[in-house]
Amino acid sequence: MAASIFKAARARLIEVWEYSETTWGAAQADKYVRGLVSAIESIQGEPRRWRPLRDRSLAGIFYFHHKHHYVFFRRLAKGQIGVITVPHESMNLPARLREDLTVD
């Protein structure tokens, strides 16, 4: 079962691809984004690797780190996850998460 990639997360993945393509070329951009998506799909079935956020106002949101990006997500029905955002590790993570939570 595929993970659900919410609107803000799709936009972040496109940004990752565009930056990578400009910096290292299309082949590397494809490889990196495919790796992120593969990590998202694999973690879906491994809840022991999920790290919950400590902020009580963000209860029910988990994350994991993959190379230079964090993936923030929540549990959906039947073991599926919904990816909220995929910010770069250098970003203000709490601010980016809160911003992307407001995207429809």
PDB file of N, CA and C in Angstrom:
ATOM      1  N   MET A   1       0.845  -1.174   0.000  1.00  0.00           N
ATOM      2  CA  MET A   1       0.000   0.000   0.000  1.00  0.00           C
ATOM      3  C   MET A   1       0.894   1.242   0.000  1.00  0.00           C
ATOM      4  N   ALA A   2       0.613   2.137  -0.900  1.00  0.00           N
ATOM      5  CA  ALA A   2       1.432   3.340  -1.031  1.00  0.00           C
ATOM      6  C   ALA A   2       1.074   4.372   0.040  1.00  0.00           C
ATOM      7  N   ALA A   3       2.074   5.087   0.468  1.00  0.00           N
ATOM      8  CA  ALA A   3       1.854   6.192   1.409  1.00  0.00           C
ATOM      9  C   ALA A   3       1.121   7.316   0.688  1.00  0.00           C
ATOM     10  N   SER A   4       0.358   8.090   1.444  1.00  0.00           N
ATOM     11  CA  SER A   4      -0.275   9.284   0.890  1.00  0.00           C
ATOM     12  C   SER A   4       0.709  10.446   1.028  1.00  0.00           C
ATOM     13  N   ILE A   5       0.934  11.135  -0.043  1.00  0.00           N
ATOM     14  CA  ILE A   5       1.817  12.293  -0.036  1.00  0.00           C
ATOM     15  C   ILE A   5       0.921  13.528  -0.120  1.00  0.00           C
ATOM     16  N   PHE A   6       0.826  14.277   0.978  1.00  0.00           N
ATOM     17  CA  PHE A   6      -0.042  15.447   1.017  1.00  0.00           C
ATOM     18  C   PHE A   6       0.532  16.563   0.149  1.00  0.00           C
ATOM     19  N   LYS A   7      -0.304  17.538  -0.154  1.00  0.00           N
ATOM     20  CA  LYS A   7       0.024  18.618  -1.090  1.00  0.00           C
ATOM     21  C   LYS A   7       1.355  19.314  -0.773  1.00  0.00           C
ATOM     22  N   ALA A   8       1.560  19.711   0.474  1.00  0.00           N
ATOM     23  CA  ALA A   8       2.805  20.404   0.835  1.00  0.00           C
ATOM     24  C   ALA A   8       4.013  19.497   0.637  1.00  0.00           C
ATOM     25  N   ALA A   9       3.873  18.225   0.971  1.00  0.00           N
ATOM     26  CA  ALA A   9       4.989  17.286   0.803  1.00  0.00           C
ATOM     27  C   ALA A   9       5.319  17.096  -0.676  1.00  0.00           C
ATOM     28  N   ARG A  10       4.287  17.022  -1.519  1.00  0.00           N
ATOM     29  CA  ARG A  10       4.543  16.921  -2.968  1.00  0.00           C
ATOM     30  C   ARG A  10       5.320  18.142  -3.456  1.00  0.00           C
ATOM     31  N   ALA A  11       4.925  19.320  -2.988  1.00  0.00           N
ATOM     32  CA  ALA A  11       5.629  20.544  -3.381  1.00  0.00           C
ATOM     33  C   ALA A  11       7.084  20.515  -2.914  1.00  0.00           C
ATOM     34  N   ARG A  12       7.322  20.022  -1.700  1.00  0.00           N
ATOM     35  CA  ARG A  12       8.705  19.944  -1.179  1.00  0.00           C
ATOM     36  C   ARG A  12       9.531  18.956  -2.002  1.00  0.00           C
ATOM     37  N   LEU A  13       8.941  17.828  -2.364  1.00  0.00           N
ATOM     38  CA  LEU A  13       9.672  16.849  -3.172  1.00  0.00           C
ATOM     39  C   LEU A  13      10.029  17.426  -4.534  1.00  0.00           C
ATOM     40  N   ILE A  14       9.136  18.206  -5.104  1.00  0.00           N
ATOM     41  CA  ILE A  14       9.443  18.865  -6.380  1.00  0.00           C
ATOM     42  C   ILE A  14      10.583  19.861  -6.191  1.00  0.00           C
ATOM     43  N   GLU A  15      10.558  20.614  -5.092  1.00  0.00           N
ATOM     44  CA  GLU A  15      11.650  21.552  -4.792  1.00  0.00           C
ATOM     45  C   GLU A  15      12.981  20.815  -4.647  1.00  0.00           C
ATOM     46  N   VAL A  16      12.956  19.673  -3.974  1.00  0.00           N
ATOM     47  CA  VAL A  16      14.173  18.868  -3.800  1.00  0.00           C
ATOM     48  C   VAL A  16      14.699  18.451  -5.169  1.00  0.00           C
ATOM     49  N   TRP A  17      13.792  17.964  -6.030  1.00  0.00           N
ATOM     50  CA  TRP A  17      14.218  17.520  -7.354  1.00  0.00           C
ATOM     51  C   TRP A  17      14.798  18.686  -8.142  1.00  0.00           C
ATOM     52  N   GLU A  18      14.101  19.825  -8.139  1.00  0.00           N
ATOM     53  CA  GLU A  18      14.569  20.975  -8.913  1.00  0.00           C
ATOM     54  C   GLU A  18      15.925  21.476  -8.444  1.00  0.00           C
ATOM     55  N   TYR A  19      16.122  21.557  -7.131  1.00  0.00           N
ATOM     56  CA  TYR A  19      17.413  21.993  -6.602  1.00  0.00           C
ATOM     57  C   TYR A  19      18.501  20.995  -6.993  1.00  0.00           C
ATOM     58  N   SER A  20      18.206  19.712  -6.815  1.00  0.00           N
ATOM     59  CA  SER A  20      19.192  18.672  -7.136  1.00  0.00           C
ATOM     60  C   SER A  20      19.528  18.668  -8.619  1.00  0.00           C
ATOM     61  N   GLU A  21      18.524  18.853  -9.456  1.00  0.00           N
ATOM     62  CA  GLU A  21      18.753  18.858 -10.901  1.00  0.00           C
ATOM     63  C   GLU A  21      19.628  20.031 -11.303  1.00  0.00           C
ATOM     64  N   THR A  22      19.370  21.205 -10.724  1.00  0.00           N
ATOM     65  CA  THR A  22      20.165  22.394 -11.029  1.00  0.00           C
ATOM     66  C   THR A  22      21.597  22.223 -10.544  1.00  0.00           C
ATOM     67  N   THR A  23      21.751  21.615  -9.385  1.00  0.00           N
ATOM     68  CA  THR A  23      23.070  21.493  -8.765  1.00  0.00           C
ATOM     69  C   THR A  23      23.877  20.302  -9.283  1.00  0.00           C
ATOM     70  N   TRP A  24      23.230  19.151  -9.432  1.00  0.00           N
ATOM     71  CA  TRP A  24      23.962  17.917  -9.764  1.00  0.00           C
ATOM     72  C   TRP A  24      23.464  17.191 -11.009  1.00  0.00           C
ATOM     73  N   GLY A  25      22.409  17.678 -11.638  1.00  0.00           N
ATOM     74  CA  GLY A  25      21.907  17.053 -12.858  1.00  0.00           C
ATOM     75  C   GLY A  25      20.677  16.183 -12.610  1.00  0.00           C
ATOM     76  N   ALA A  26      19.989  15.899 -13.717  1.00  0.00           N
ATOM     77  CA  ALA A  26      18.717  15.174 -13.642  1.00  0.00           C
ATOM     78  C   ALA A  26      18.869  13.757 -13.106  1.00  0.00           C
ATOM     79  N   ALA A  27      19.922  13.080 -13.493  1.00  0.00           N
ATOM     80  CA  ALA A  27      20.101  11.693 -13.024  1.00  0.00           C
ATOM     81  C   ALA A  27      20.238  11.648 -11.500  1.00  0.00           C
ATOM     82  N   GLN A  28      21.025  12.555 -10.942  1.00  0.00           N
ATOM     83  CA  GLN A  28      21.201  12.589  -9.484  1.00  0.00           C
ATOM     84  C   GLN A  28      19.910  13.029  -8.797  1.00  0.00           C
ATOM     85  N   ALA A  29      19.192  13.973  -9.393  1.00  0.00           N
ATOM     86  CA  ALA A  29      17.912  14.416  -8.827  1.00  0.00           C
ATOM     87  C   ALA A  29      16.931  13.248  -8.778  1.00  0.00           C
ATOM     88  N   ASP A  30      16.843  12.505  -9.876  1.00  0.00           N
ATOM     89  CA  ASP A  30      15.962  11.333  -9.914  1.00  0.00           C
ATOM     90  C   ASP A  30      16.353  10.320  -8.840  1.00  0.00           C
ATOM     91  N   LYS A  31      17.645  10.051  -8.735  1.00  0.00           N
ATOM     92  CA  LYS A  31      18.132   9.068  -7.766  1.00  0.00           C
ATOM     93  C   LYS A  31      17.807   9.494  -6.330  1.00  0.00           C
ATOM     94  N   TYR A  32      18.046  10.756  -6.004  1.00  0.00           N
ATOM     95  CA  TYR A  32      17.826  11.228  -4.638  1.00  0.00           C
ATOM     96  C   TYR A  32      16.345  11.199  -4.273  1.00  0.00           C
ATOM     97  N   VAL A  33      15.484  11.706  -5.159  1.00  0.00           N
ATOM     98  CA  VAL A  33      14.048  11.730  -4.862  1.00  0.00           C
ATOM     99  C   VAL A  33      13.486  10.310  -4.836  1.00  0.00           C
ATOM    100  N   ARG A  34      13.947   9.444  -5.731  1.00  0.00           N
ATOM    101  CA  ARG A  34      13.517   8.040  -5.668  1.00  0.00           C
ATOM    102  C   ARG A  34      13.912   7.418  -4.335  1.00  0.00           C
ATOM    103  N   GLY A  35      15.092   7.753  -3.838  1.00  0.00           N
ATOM    104  CA  GLY A  35      15.540   7.249  -2.534  1.00  0.00           C
ATOM    105  C   GLY A  35      14.655   7.745  -1.403  1.00  0.00           C
ATOM    106  N   LEU A  36      14.263   9.014  -1.444  1.00  0.00           N
ATOM    107  CA  LEU A  36      13.354   9.559  -0.434  1.00  0.00           C
ATOM    108  C   LEU A  36      12.013   8.829  -0.460  1.00  0.00           C
ATOM    109  N   VAL A  37      11.460   8.663  -1.642  1.00  0.00           N
ATOM    110  CA  VAL A  37      10.156   7.997  -1.777  1.00  0.00           C
ATOM    111  C   VAL A  37      10.263   6.542  -1.331  1.00  0.00           C
ATOM    112  N   SER A  38      11.339   5.881  -1.681  1.00  0.00           N
ATOM    113  CA  SER A  38      11.551   4.502  -1.251  1.00  0.00           C
ATOM    114  C   SER A  38      11.644   4.406   0.275  1.00  0.00           C
ATOM    115  N   ALA A  39      12.336   5.359   0.893  1.00  0.00           N
ATOM    116  CA  ALA A  39      12.439   5.381   2.359  1.00  0.00           C
ATOM    117  C   ALA A  39      11.070   5.591   2.993  1.00  0.00           C
ATOM    118  N   ILE A  40      10.254   6.440   2.395  1.00  0.00           N
ATOM    119  CA  ILE A  40       8.895   6.679   2.887  1.00  0.00           C
ATOM    120  C   ILE A  40       8.087   5.385   2.812  1.00  0.00           C
ATOM    121  N   GLU A  41       8.158   4.711   1.692  1.00  0.00           N
ATOM    122  CA  GLU A  41       7.401   3.462   1.527  1.00  0.00           C
ATOM    123  C   GLU A  41       7.885   2.387   2.505  1.00  0.00           C
ATOM    124  N   SER A  42       9.190   2.311   2.723  1.00  0.00           N
ATOM    125  CA  SER A  42       9.706   1.254   3.600  1.00  0.00           C
ATOM    126  C   SER A  42       9.395   1.512   5.074  1.00  0.00           C
ATOM    127  N   ILE A  43       9.410   2.766   5.486  1.00  0.00           N
ATOM    128  CA  ILE A  43       9.167   3.053   6.905  1.00  0.00           C
ATOM    129  C   ILE A  43       7.700   2.849   7.268  1.00  0.00           C
ATOM    130  N   GLN A  44       6.844   2.907   6.280  1.00  0.00           N
ATOM    131  CA  GLN A  44       5.416   2.721   6.517  1.00  0.00           C
ATOM    132  C   GLN A  44       5.144   1.417   7.276  1.00  0.00           C
ATOM    133  N   GLY A  45       5.860   0.380   6.946  1.00  0.00           N
ATOM    134  CA  GLY A  45       5.664  -0.913   7.594  1.00  0.00           C
ATOM    135  C   GLY A  45       6.561  -1.159   8.786  1.00  0.00           C
ATOM    136  N   GLU A  46       7.293  -0.144   9.232  1.00  0.00           N
ATOM    137  CA  GLU A  46       8.226  -0.303  10.345  1.00  0.00           C
ATOM    138  C   GLU A  46       7.987   0.740  11.430  1.00  0.00           C
ATOM    139  N   PRO A  47       6.845   0.682  12.138  1.00  0.00           N
ATOM    140  CA  PRO A  47       6.537   1.718  13.133  1.00  0.00           C
ATOM    141  C   PRO A  47       7.549   1.823  14.264  1.00  0.00           C
ATOM    142  N   ARG A  48       8.363   0.825  14.478  1.00  0.00           N
ATOM    143  CA  ARG A  48       9.386   0.935  15.534  1.00  0.00           C
ATOM    144  C   ARG A  48      10.449   1.976  15.188  1.00  0.00           C
ATOM    145  N   ARG A  49      10.552   2.332  13.914  1.00  0.00           N
ATOM    146  CA  ARG A  49      11.501   3.359  13.478  1.00  0.00           C
ATOM    147  C   ARG A  49      10.903   4.756  13.503  1.00  0.00           C
ATOM    148  N   TRP A  50       9.598   4.863  13.740  1.00  0.00           N
ATOM    149  CA  TRP A  50       8.937   6.164  13.777  1.00  0.00           C
ATOM    150  C   TRP A  50       9.347   6.898  15.036  1.00  0.00           C
ATOM    151  N   ARG A  51       9.655   8.160  14.934  1.00  0.00           N
ATOM    152  CA  ARG A  51      10.003   8.992  16.081  1.00  0.00           C
ATOM    153  C   ARG A  51       8.889  10.008  16.295  1.00  0.00           C
ATOM    154  N   PRO A  52       8.226   9.971  17.454  1.00  0.00           N
ATOM    155  CA  PRO A  52       7.151  10.936  17.693  1.00  0.00           C
ATOM    156  C   PRO A  52       7.718  12.312  18.030  1.00  0.00           C
ATOM    157  N   LEU A  53       6.986  13.344  17.652  1.00  0.00           N
ATOM    158  CA  LEU A  53       7.381  14.696  18.051  1.00  0.00           C
ATOM    159  C   LEU A  53       7.068  14.868  19.529  1.00  0.00           C
ATOM    160  N   ARG A  54       7.899  15.607  20.224  1.00  0.00           N
ATOM    161  CA  ARG A  54       7.714  15.820  21.662  1.00  0.00           C
ATOM    162  C   ARG A  54       6.740  16.947  21.969  1.00  0.00           C
ATOM    163  N   ASP A  55       6.489  17.791  21.019  1.00  0.00           N
ATOM    164  CA  ASP A  55       5.584  18.924  21.197  1.00  0.00           C
ATOM    165  C   ASP A  55       4.145  18.404  21.286  1.00  0.00           C
ATOM    166  N   ARG A  56       3.500  18.614  22.419  1.00  0.00           N
ATOM    167  CA  ARG A  56       2.141  18.098  22.622  1.00  0.00           C
ATOM    168  C   ARG A  56       1.132  18.691  21.647  1.00  0.00           C
ATOM    169  N   SER A  57       1.397  19.890  21.158  1.00  0.00           N
ATOM    170  CA  SER A  57       0.473  20.498  20.199  1.00  0.00           C
ATOM    171  C   SER A  57       0.559  19.815  18.834  1.00  0.00           C
ATOM    172  N   LEU A  58       1.562  18.978  18.661  1.00  0.00           N
ATOM    173  CA  LEU A  58       1.741  18.238  17.405  1.00  0.00           C
ATOM    174  C   LEU A  58       1.620  16.737  17.640  1.00  0.00           C
ATOM    175  N   ALA A  59       0.805  16.354  18.597  1.00  0.00           N
ATOM    176  CA  ALA A  59       0.607  14.936  18.926  1.00  0.00           C
ATOM    177  C   ALA A  59       0.132  14.175  17.694  1.00  0.00           C
ATOM    178  N   GLY A  60       0.643  12.977  17.547  1.00  0.00           N
ATOM    179  CA  GLY A  60       0.247  12.133  16.429  1.00  0.00           C
ATOM    180  C   GLY A  60       1.073  12.335  15.177  1.00  0.00           C
ATOM    181  N   ILE A  61       2.081  13.204  15.253  1.00  0.00           N
ATOM    182  CA  ILE A  61       2.974  13.409  14.114  1.00  0.00           C
ATOM    183  C   ILE A  61       4.307  12.744  14.426  1.00  0.00           C
ATOM    184  N   PHE A  62       4.799  12.018  13.447  1.00  0.00           N
ATOM    185  CA  PHE A  62       6.058  11.289  13.569  1.00  0.00           C
ATOM    186  C   PHE A  62       7.034  11.815  12.518  1.00  0.00           C
ATOM    187  N   TYR A  63       8.293  11.384  12.654  1.00  0.00           N
ATOM    188  CA  TYR A  63       9.291  11.793  11.669  1.00  0.00           C
ATOM    189  C   TYR A  63      10.382  10.735  11.568  1.00  0.00           C
ATOM    190  N   PHE A  64      11.142  10.821  10.500  1.00  0.00           N
ATOM    191  CA  PHE A  64      12.410  10.096  10.366  1.00  0.00           C
ATOM    192  C   PHE A  64      13.324  10.950   9.500  1.00  0.00           C
ATOM    193  N   HIS A  65      14.598  10.676   9.600  1.00  0.00           N
ATOM    194  CA  HIS A  65      15.625  11.416   8.874  1.00  0.00           C
ATOM    195  C   HIS A  65      16.148  10.524   7.757  1.00  0.00           C
ATOM    196  N   HIS A  66      16.246  11.071   6.553  1.00  0.00           N
ATOM    197  CA  HIS A  66      16.809  10.332   5.416  1.00  0.00           C
ATOM    198  C   HIS A  66      17.808  11.235   4.710  1.00  0.00           C
ATOM    199  N   LYS A  67      19.045  10.862   4.763  1.00  0.00           N
ATOM    200  CA  LYS A  67      20.144  11.647   4.194  1.00  0.00           C
ATOM    201  C   LYS A  67      20.081  13.085   4.696  1.00  0.00           C
ATOM    202  N   HIS A  68      19.655  14.045   3.862  1.00  0.00           N
ATOM    203  CA  HIS A  68      19.652  15.451   4.276  1.00  0.00           C
ATOM    204  C   HIS A  68      18.247  16.017   4.470  1.00  0.00           C
ATOM    205  N   HIS A  69      17.261  15.136   4.561  1.00  0.00           N
ATOM    206  CA  HIS A  69      15.877  15.582   4.712  1.00  0.00           C
ATOM    207  C   HIS A  69      15.189  14.860   5.862  1.00  0.00           C
ATOM    208  N   TYR A  70      14.240  15.560   6.449  1.00  0.00           N
ATOM    209  CA  TYR A  70      13.348  14.967   7.443  1.00  0.00           C
ATOM    210  C   TYR A  70      12.011  14.724   6.767  1.00  0.00           C
ATOM    211  N   VAL A  71      11.375  13.642   7.145  1.00  0.00           N
ATOM    212  CA  VAL A  71      10.046  13.328   6.637  1.00  0.00           C
ATOM    213  C   VAL A  71       9.105  13.338   7.834  1.00  0.00           C
ATOM    214  N   PHE A  72       8.115  14.233   7.798  1.00  0.00           N
ATOM    215  CA  PHE A  72       7.112  14.336   8.856  1.00  0.00           C
ATOM    216  C   PHE A  72       5.820  13.724   8.333  1.00  0.00           C
ATOM    217  N   PHE A  73       5.184  12.893   9.160  1.00  0.00           N
ATOM    218  CA  PHE A  73       3.998  12.174   8.706  1.00  0.00           C
ATOM    219  C   PHE A  73       3.096  11.833   9.876  1.00  0.00           C
ATOM    220  N   ARG A  74       1.900  11.381   9.549  1.00  0.00           N
ATOM    221  CA  ARG A  74       0.973  10.883  10.561  1.00  0.00           C
ATOM    222  C   ARG A  74       0.438   9.536  10.099  1.00  0.00           C
ATOM    223  N   ARG A  75      -0.046   8.781  11.068  1.00  0.00           N
ATOM    224  CA  ARG A  75      -0.618   7.465  10.784  1.00  0.00           C
ATOM    225  C   ARG A  75      -2.025   7.650  10.205  1.00  0.00           C
ATOM    226  N   LEU A  76      -2.298   6.930   9.132  1.00  0.00           N
ATOM    227  CA  LEU A  76      -3.630   6.915   8.541  1.00  0.00           C
ATOM    228  C   LEU A  76      -4.237   5.525   8.753  1.00  0.00           C
ATOM    229  N   ALA A  77      -5.317   5.244   8.117  1.00  0.00           N
ATOM    230  CA  ALA A  77      -5.995   3.955   8.269  1.00  0.00           C
ATOM    231  C   ALA A  77      -5.167   2.806   7.695  1.00  0.00           C
ATOM    232  N   LYS A  78      -5.362   1.644   8.276  1.00  0.00           N
ATOM    233  CA  LYS A  78      -4.791   0.380   7.781  1.00  0.00           C
ATOM    234  C   LYS A  78      -3.278   0.410   7.614  1.00  0.00           C
ATOM    235  N   GLY A  79      -2.583   1.084   8.517  1.00  0.00           N
ATOM    236  CA  GLY A  79      -1.128   1.086   8.498  1.00  0.00           C
ATOM    237  C   GLY A  79      -0.492   2.031   7.498  1.00  0.00           C
ATOM    238  N   GLN A  80      -1.291   2.744   6.754  1.00  0.00           N
ATOM    239  CA  GLN A  80      -0.765   3.700   5.787  1.00  0.00           C
ATOM    240  C   GLN A  80      -0.334   4.961   6.516  1.00  0.00           C
ATOM    241  N   ILE A  81       0.622   5.682   5.936  1.00  0.00           N
ATOM    242  CA  ILE A  81       1.034   6.959   6.504  1.00  0.00           C
ATOM    243  C   ILE A  81       0.700   8.076   5.519  1.00  0.00           C
ATOM    244  N   GLY A  82       0.520   9.279   6.067  1.00  0.00           N
ATOM    245  CA  GLY A  82       0.293  10.472   5.265  1.00  0.00           C
ATOM    246  C   GLY A  82       1.449  11.425   5.480  1.00  0.00           C
ATOM    247  N   VAL A  83       2.215  11.679   4.443  1.00  0.00           N
ATOM    248  CA  VAL A  83       3.401  12.531   4.542  1.00  0.00           C
ATOM    249  C   VAL A  83       2.981  13.993   4.473  1.00  0.00           C
ATOM    250  N   ILE A  84       3.359  14.737   5.506  1.00  0.00           N
ATOM    251  CA  ILE A  84       2.974  16.142   5.648  1.00  0.00           C
ATOM    252  C   ILE A  84       3.954  17.058   4.936  1.00  0.00           C
ATOM    253  N   THR A  85       5.245  16.820   5.172  1.00  0.00           N
ATOM    254  CA  THR A  85       6.269  17.669   4.568  1.00  0.00           C
ATOM    255  C   THR A  85       7.614  16.947   4.578  1.00  0.00           C
ATOM    256  N   VAL A  86       8.528  17.448   3.737  1.00  0.00           N
ATOM    257  CA  VAL A  86       9.862  16.853   3.600  1.00  0.00           C
ATOM    258  C   VAL A  86      10.886  17.992   3.543  1.00  0.00           C
ATOM    259  N   PRO A  87      11.161  18.635   4.680  1.00  0.00           N
ATOM    260  CA  PRO A  87      12.107  19.763   4.672  1.00  0.00           C
ATOM    261  C   PRO A  87      13.573  19.315   4.744  1.00  0.00           C
ATOM    262  N   HIS A  88      14.440  20.150   4.228  1.00  0.00           N
ATOM    263  CA  HIS A  88      15.881  19.933   4.323  1.00  0.00           C
ATOM    264  C   HIS A  88      16.310  20.126   5.774  1.00  0.00           C
ATOM    265  N   GLU A  89      17.325  19.406   6.187  1.00  0.00           N
ATOM    266  CA  GLU A  89      17.796  19.459   7.570  1.00  0.00           C
ATOM    267  C   GLU A  89      18.286  20.847   7.988  1.00  0.00           C
ATOM    268  N   SER A  90      18.645  21.704   7.049  1.00  0.00           N
ATOM    269  CA  SER A  90      19.138  23.045   7.394  1.00  0.00           C
ATOM    270  C   SER A  90      18.010  24.050   7.633  1.00  0.00           C
ATOM    271  N   MET A  91      16.784  23.654   7.341  1.00  0.00           N
ATOM    272  CA  MET A  91      15.654  24.577   7.503  1.00  0.00           C
ATOM    273  C   MET A  91      15.222  24.659   8.964  1.00  0.00           C
ATOM    274  N   ASN A  92      14.428  25.665   9.263  1.00  0.00           N
ATOM    275  CA  ASN A  92      13.804  25.773  10.574  1.00  0.00           C
ATOM    276  C   ASN A  92      12.671  24.743  10.573  1.00  0.00           C
ATOM    277  N   LEU A  93      12.943  23.566  11.105  1.00  0.00           N
ATOM    278  CA  LEU A  93      12.014  22.447  11.001  1.00  0.00           C
ATOM    279  C   LEU A  93      10.657  22.714  11.655  1.00  0.00           C
ATOM    280  N   PRO A  94      10.613  23.231  12.895  1.00  0.00           N
ATOM    281  CA  PRO A  94       9.297  23.498  13.490  1.00  0.00           C
ATOM    282  C   PRO A  94       8.474  24.497  12.676  1.00  0.00           C
ATOM    283  N   ALA A  95       9.109  25.538  12.177  1.00  0.00           N
ATOM    284  CA  ALA A  95       8.388  26.545  11.394  1.00  0.00           C
ATOM    285  C   ALA A  95       7.883  25.944  10.087  1.00  0.00           C
ATOM    286  N   ARG A  96       8.721  25.171   9.409  1.00  0.00           N
ATOM    287  CA  ARG A  96       8.309  24.566   8.129  1.00  0.00           C
ATOM    288  C   ARG A  96       7.172  23.567   8.348  1.00  0.00           C
ATOM    289  N   LEU A  97       7.256  22.771   9.409  1.00  0.00           N
ATOM    290  CA  LEU A  97       6.197  21.813   9.697  1.00  0.00           C
ATOM    291  C   LEU A  97       4.879  22.533   9.959  1.00  0.00           C
ATOM    292  N   ARG A  98       4.906  23.544  10.803  1.00  0.00           N
ATOM    293  CA  ARG A  98       3.670  24.281  11.115  1.00  0.00           C
ATOM    294  C   ARG A  98       3.105  24.960   9.860  1.00  0.00           C
ATOM    295  N   GLU A  99       3.988  25.501   9.024  1.00  0.00           N
ATOM    296  CA  GLU A  99       3.543  26.131   7.772  1.00  0.00           C
ATOM    297  C   GLU A  99       2.867  25.105   6.866  1.00  0.00           C
ATOM    298  N   ASP A 100       3.499  23.948   6.716  1.00  0.00           N
ATOM    299  CA  ASP A 100       2.986  22.937   5.789  1.00  0.00           C
ATOM    300  C   ASP A 100       1.756  22.220   6.331  1.00  0.00           C
ATOM    301  N   LEU A 101       1.545  22.257   7.624  1.00  0.00           N
ATOM    302  CA  LEU A 101       0.324  21.692   8.198  1.00  0.00           C
ATOM    303  C   LEU A 101      -0.913  22.484   7.800  1.00  0.00           C
ATOM    304  N   THR A 102      -0.721  23.743   7.414  1.00  0.00           N
ATOM    305  CA  THR A 102      -1.854  24.598   7.065  1.00  0.00           C
ATOM    306  C   THR A 102      -2.226  24.505   5.586  1.00  0.00           C
ATOM    307  N   VAL A 103      -1.426  23.793   4.793  1.00  0.00           N
ATOM    308  CA  VAL A 103      -1.693  23.655   3.365  1.00  0.00           C
ATOM    309  C   VAL A 103      -2.797  22.617   3.175  1.00  0.00           C
ATOM    310  N   ASP A 104      -3.768  22.956   2.370  1.00  0.00           N
ATOM    311  CA  ASP A 104      -4.877  22.005   2.089  1.00  0.00           C
ATOM    312  C   ASP A 104      -4.442  20.893   1.190  1.00  0.00           C
TER     313      ASP A 104
END
